[in-house]
Amino acid sequence: MSVNVIEAIRNHAQRIASGQERVSPGMPLAFTEACTPGDCIWQGDLALIITASNNPPKGYVRATNPSVQLVPGNNVGAKHCLDSLEGVEVFLPENWNEESMSGPFLRITQERNVLHPTHGTVTIPAGFNVECGYQREYDKELERERRARD
């Protein structure tokens, strides 16, 4: 990691601390070269997690007809979408559906943006591998964990 990146992060943090720069929900965010495996950006209830592995987790299959949508469902909250599939290999958990607790694994070879109608855009640089995860909540009636919805 270059010293310039660290200095830029320090300067950015100082500007926020001094009130010169504001951070608020819905602002665009981007992974940078300073990010390491395990770093995560939440876009609402979707977690985009940097992974060191170039291979998807066990139980994933390569999508033969991938969609740009990263969350199954038809409501507005499920509209977390890539701006394009160009330069992206998509792997899905077997039997991926609206009840799935894990989302797609993405191999990104060309910078991509994750768009959403109510959350800020998240930029993922080329060369990153990303696992998508979902916020969870506990359903007391069913006494089980389930995926949260925007």
Protein backbone atom coordinates (compact mmCIF):
# COMPACT_ATOMS: atom_id res chain seq x y z
CA MET A 1 0.00 0.00 0.00
CA SER A 2 1.42 3.36 -0.89
CA VAL A 3 2.08 6.12 1.63
CA ASN A 4 0.02 8.47 -0.58
CA VAL A 5 -3.11 6.37 0.02
CA ILE A 6 -2.59 6.39 3.78
CA GLU A 7 -2.01 10.14 3.75
CA ALA A 8 -5.17 10.66 1.66
CA ILE A 9 -7.18 8.62 4.18
CA ARG A 10 -5.75 10.65 7.09
CA ASN A 11 -6.55 13.94 5.32
CA HIS A 12 -10.08 12.76 4.55
CA ALA A 13 -10.65 11.73 8.19
CA GLN A 14 -9.34 15.12 9.36
CA ARG A 15 -11.71 16.98 7.03
CA ILE A 16 -14.66 14.97 8.38
CA ALA A 17 -13.56 15.49 12.01
CA SER A 18 -13.23 19.26 11.49
CA GLY A 19 -16.66 19.52 9.81
CA GLN A 20 -15.22 20.54 6.42
CA GLU A 21 -16.69 17.42 4.87
CA ARG A 22 -19.97 15.68 5.64
CA VAL A 23 -20.75 11.98 5.52
CA SER A 24 -24.41 11.01 5.33
CA PRO A 25 -26.58 8.08 4.28
CA GLY A 26 -27.07 7.68 0.56
CA MET A 27 -23.68 9.09 -0.40
CA PRO A 28 -21.68 7.15 -3.00
CA LEU A 29 -18.83 5.01 -1.66
CA ALA A 30 -15.93 3.19 -3.29
CA PHE A 31 -13.54 0.43 -2.35
CA THR A 32 -9.94 1.64 -2.75
CA GLU A 33 -6.54 0.00 -3.14
CA ALA A 34 -6.21 0.40 0.66
CA CYS A 35 -9.02 -2.14 1.18
CA THR A 36 -8.08 -5.62 2.36
CA PRO A 37 -9.95 -8.94 2.53
CA GLY A 38 -12.81 -8.71 5.01
CA ASP A 39 -13.45 -5.01 4.36
CA CYS A 40 -17.12 -4.40 3.73
CA ILE A 41 -19.43 -1.68 2.47
CA TRP A 42 -23.12 -1.93 3.33
CA GLN A 43 -25.61 -0.68 0.76
CA GLY A 44 -28.78 -0.84 2.84
CA ASP A 45 -29.28 -4.52 3.72
CA LEU A 46 -26.69 -5.75 1.17
CA ALA A 47 -23.12 -6.32 2.34
CA LEU A 48 -20.35 -6.18 -0.28
CA ILE A 49 -17.37 -7.99 1.26
CA ILE A 50 -13.86 -8.10 -0.21
CA THR A 51 -12.48 -11.64 -0.25
CA ALA A 52 -8.93 -12.89 -0.76
CA SER A 53 -10.07 -16.01 -2.56
CA ASN A 54 -10.43 -16.04 -6.31
CA ASN A 55 -12.80 -18.98 -5.91
CA PRO A 56 -16.40 -18.88 -4.71
CA PRO A 57 -17.38 -20.61 -1.45
CA LYS A 58 -18.35 -24.28 -1.45
CA GLY A 59 -21.88 -24.82 -2.74
CA TYR A 60 -21.73 -22.04 -5.35
CA VAL A 61 -22.18 -22.56 -9.08
CA ARG A 62 -21.24 -20.32 -11.99
CA ALA A 63 -24.32 -18.49 -13.26
CA THR A 64 -24.97 -19.48 -16.85
CA ASN A 65 -27.41 -16.61 -17.45
CA PRO A 66 -26.49 -14.07 -14.74
CA SER A 67 -28.60 -11.09 -13.81
CA VAL A 68 -27.32 -7.67 -12.78
CA GLN A 69 -29.58 -7.90 -9.68
CA LEU A 70 -27.70 -9.00 -6.54
CA VAL A 71 -30.72 -9.56 -4.28
CA PRO A 72 -33.58 -11.86 -5.29
CA GLY A 73 -37.01 -10.26 -5.23
CA ASN A 74 -39.24 -7.78 -7.02
CA ASN A 75 -39.65 -4.98 -4.47
CA VAL A 76 -37.66 -1.72 -4.50
CA GLY A 77 -35.49 -2.93 -1.60
CA ALA A 78 -34.22 -5.82 -3.75
CA LYS A 79 -33.04 -3.56 -6.59
CA HIS A 80 -29.31 -3.69 -5.76
CA CYS A 81 -27.94 -4.02 -9.31
CA LEU A 82 -24.61 -3.95 -11.11
CA ASP A 83 -24.37 -1.25 -13.77
CA SER A 84 -23.23 -3.94 -16.23
CA LEU A 85 -22.09 -7.56 -16.33
CA GLU A 86 -19.13 -6.67 -18.54
CA GLY A 87 -15.97 -7.86 -16.78
CA VAL A 88 -17.91 -9.75 -14.10
CA GLU A 89 -18.12 -13.49 -13.44
CA VAL A 90 -21.11 -14.32 -11.25
CA PHE A 91 -21.39 -17.38 -9.00
CA LEU A 92 -24.60 -18.10 -7.08
CA PRO A 93 -25.38 -20.29 -4.09
CA GLU A 94 -27.19 -23.44 -5.18
CA ASN A 95 -30.97 -22.91 -4.96
CA TRP A 96 -30.54 -19.12 -4.53
CA ASN A 97 -33.90 -17.48 -3.75
CA GLU A 98 -35.58 -14.79 -1.61
CA GLU A 99 -34.93 -16.80 1.58
CA SER A 100 -31.19 -17.29 0.90
CA MET A 101 -28.87 -15.93 3.57
CA SER A 102 -25.87 -15.69 1.22
CA GLY A 103 -25.68 -13.86 -2.07
CA PRO A 104 -23.60 -13.89 -5.24
CA PHE A 105 -19.81 -14.16 -5.43
CA LEU A 106 -18.37 -11.76 -8.02
CA ARG A 107 -15.03 -11.83 -9.83
CA ILE A 108 -14.57 -8.27 -11.04
CA THR A 109 -12.09 -7.66 -13.88
CA GLN A 110 -13.50 -4.27 -14.90
CA GLU A 111 -14.60 -1.50 -12.52
CA ARG A 112 -18.29 -1.82 -11.75
CA ASN A 113 -20.89 0.16 -9.81
CA VAL A 114 -23.62 -1.30 -7.61
CA LEU A 115 -26.71 0.86 -8.04
CA HIS A 116 -29.87 1.16 -5.94
CA PRO A 117 -32.82 3.56 -6.22
CA THR A 118 -32.59 4.75 -2.58
CA HIS A 119 -29.00 4.00 -1.46
CA GLY A 120 -25.73 5.50 -2.64
CA THR A 121 -23.79 3.88 -5.48
CA VAL A 122 -20.89 1.62 -4.46
CA THR A 123 -17.88 1.41 -6.81
CA ILE A 124 -15.85 -1.81 -6.97
CA PRO A 125 -12.46 -1.55 -8.71
CA ALA A 126 -11.18 -4.07 -11.24
CA GLY A 127 -9.31 -7.00 -9.72
CA PHE A 128 -11.51 -7.37 -6.63
CA ASN A 129 -13.45 -10.48 -5.63
CA VAL A 130 -16.63 -9.72 -3.70
CA GLU A 131 -19.03 -11.85 -1.68
CA CYS A 132 -22.52 -10.49 -1.24
CA GLY A 133 -24.21 -11.04 2.09
CA TYR A 134 -27.49 -9.95 3.58
CA GLN A 135 -28.50 -8.34 6.85
CA ARG A 136 -30.18 -10.80 9.17
CA GLU A 137 -32.94 -10.46 11.72
CA TYR A 138 -34.42 -12.89 14.20
CA ASP A 139 -38.03 -13.95 13.67
CA LYS A 140 -39.37 -14.63 17.19
CA GLU A 141 -42.55 -16.34 15.96
CA LEU A 142 -40.69 -18.82 13.78
CA GLU A 143 -37.73 -18.90 16.19
CA ARG A 144 -35.22 -18.65 13.36
CA GLU A 145 -32.94 -16.19 11.67
CA ARG A 146 -34.12 -14.73 8.38
CA ARG A 147 -32.91 -12.21 5.82
CA ALA A 148 -33.82 -8.61 6.55
CA ARG A 149 -35.56 -6.56 3.85
CA ASP A 150 -35.02 -2.90 2.92
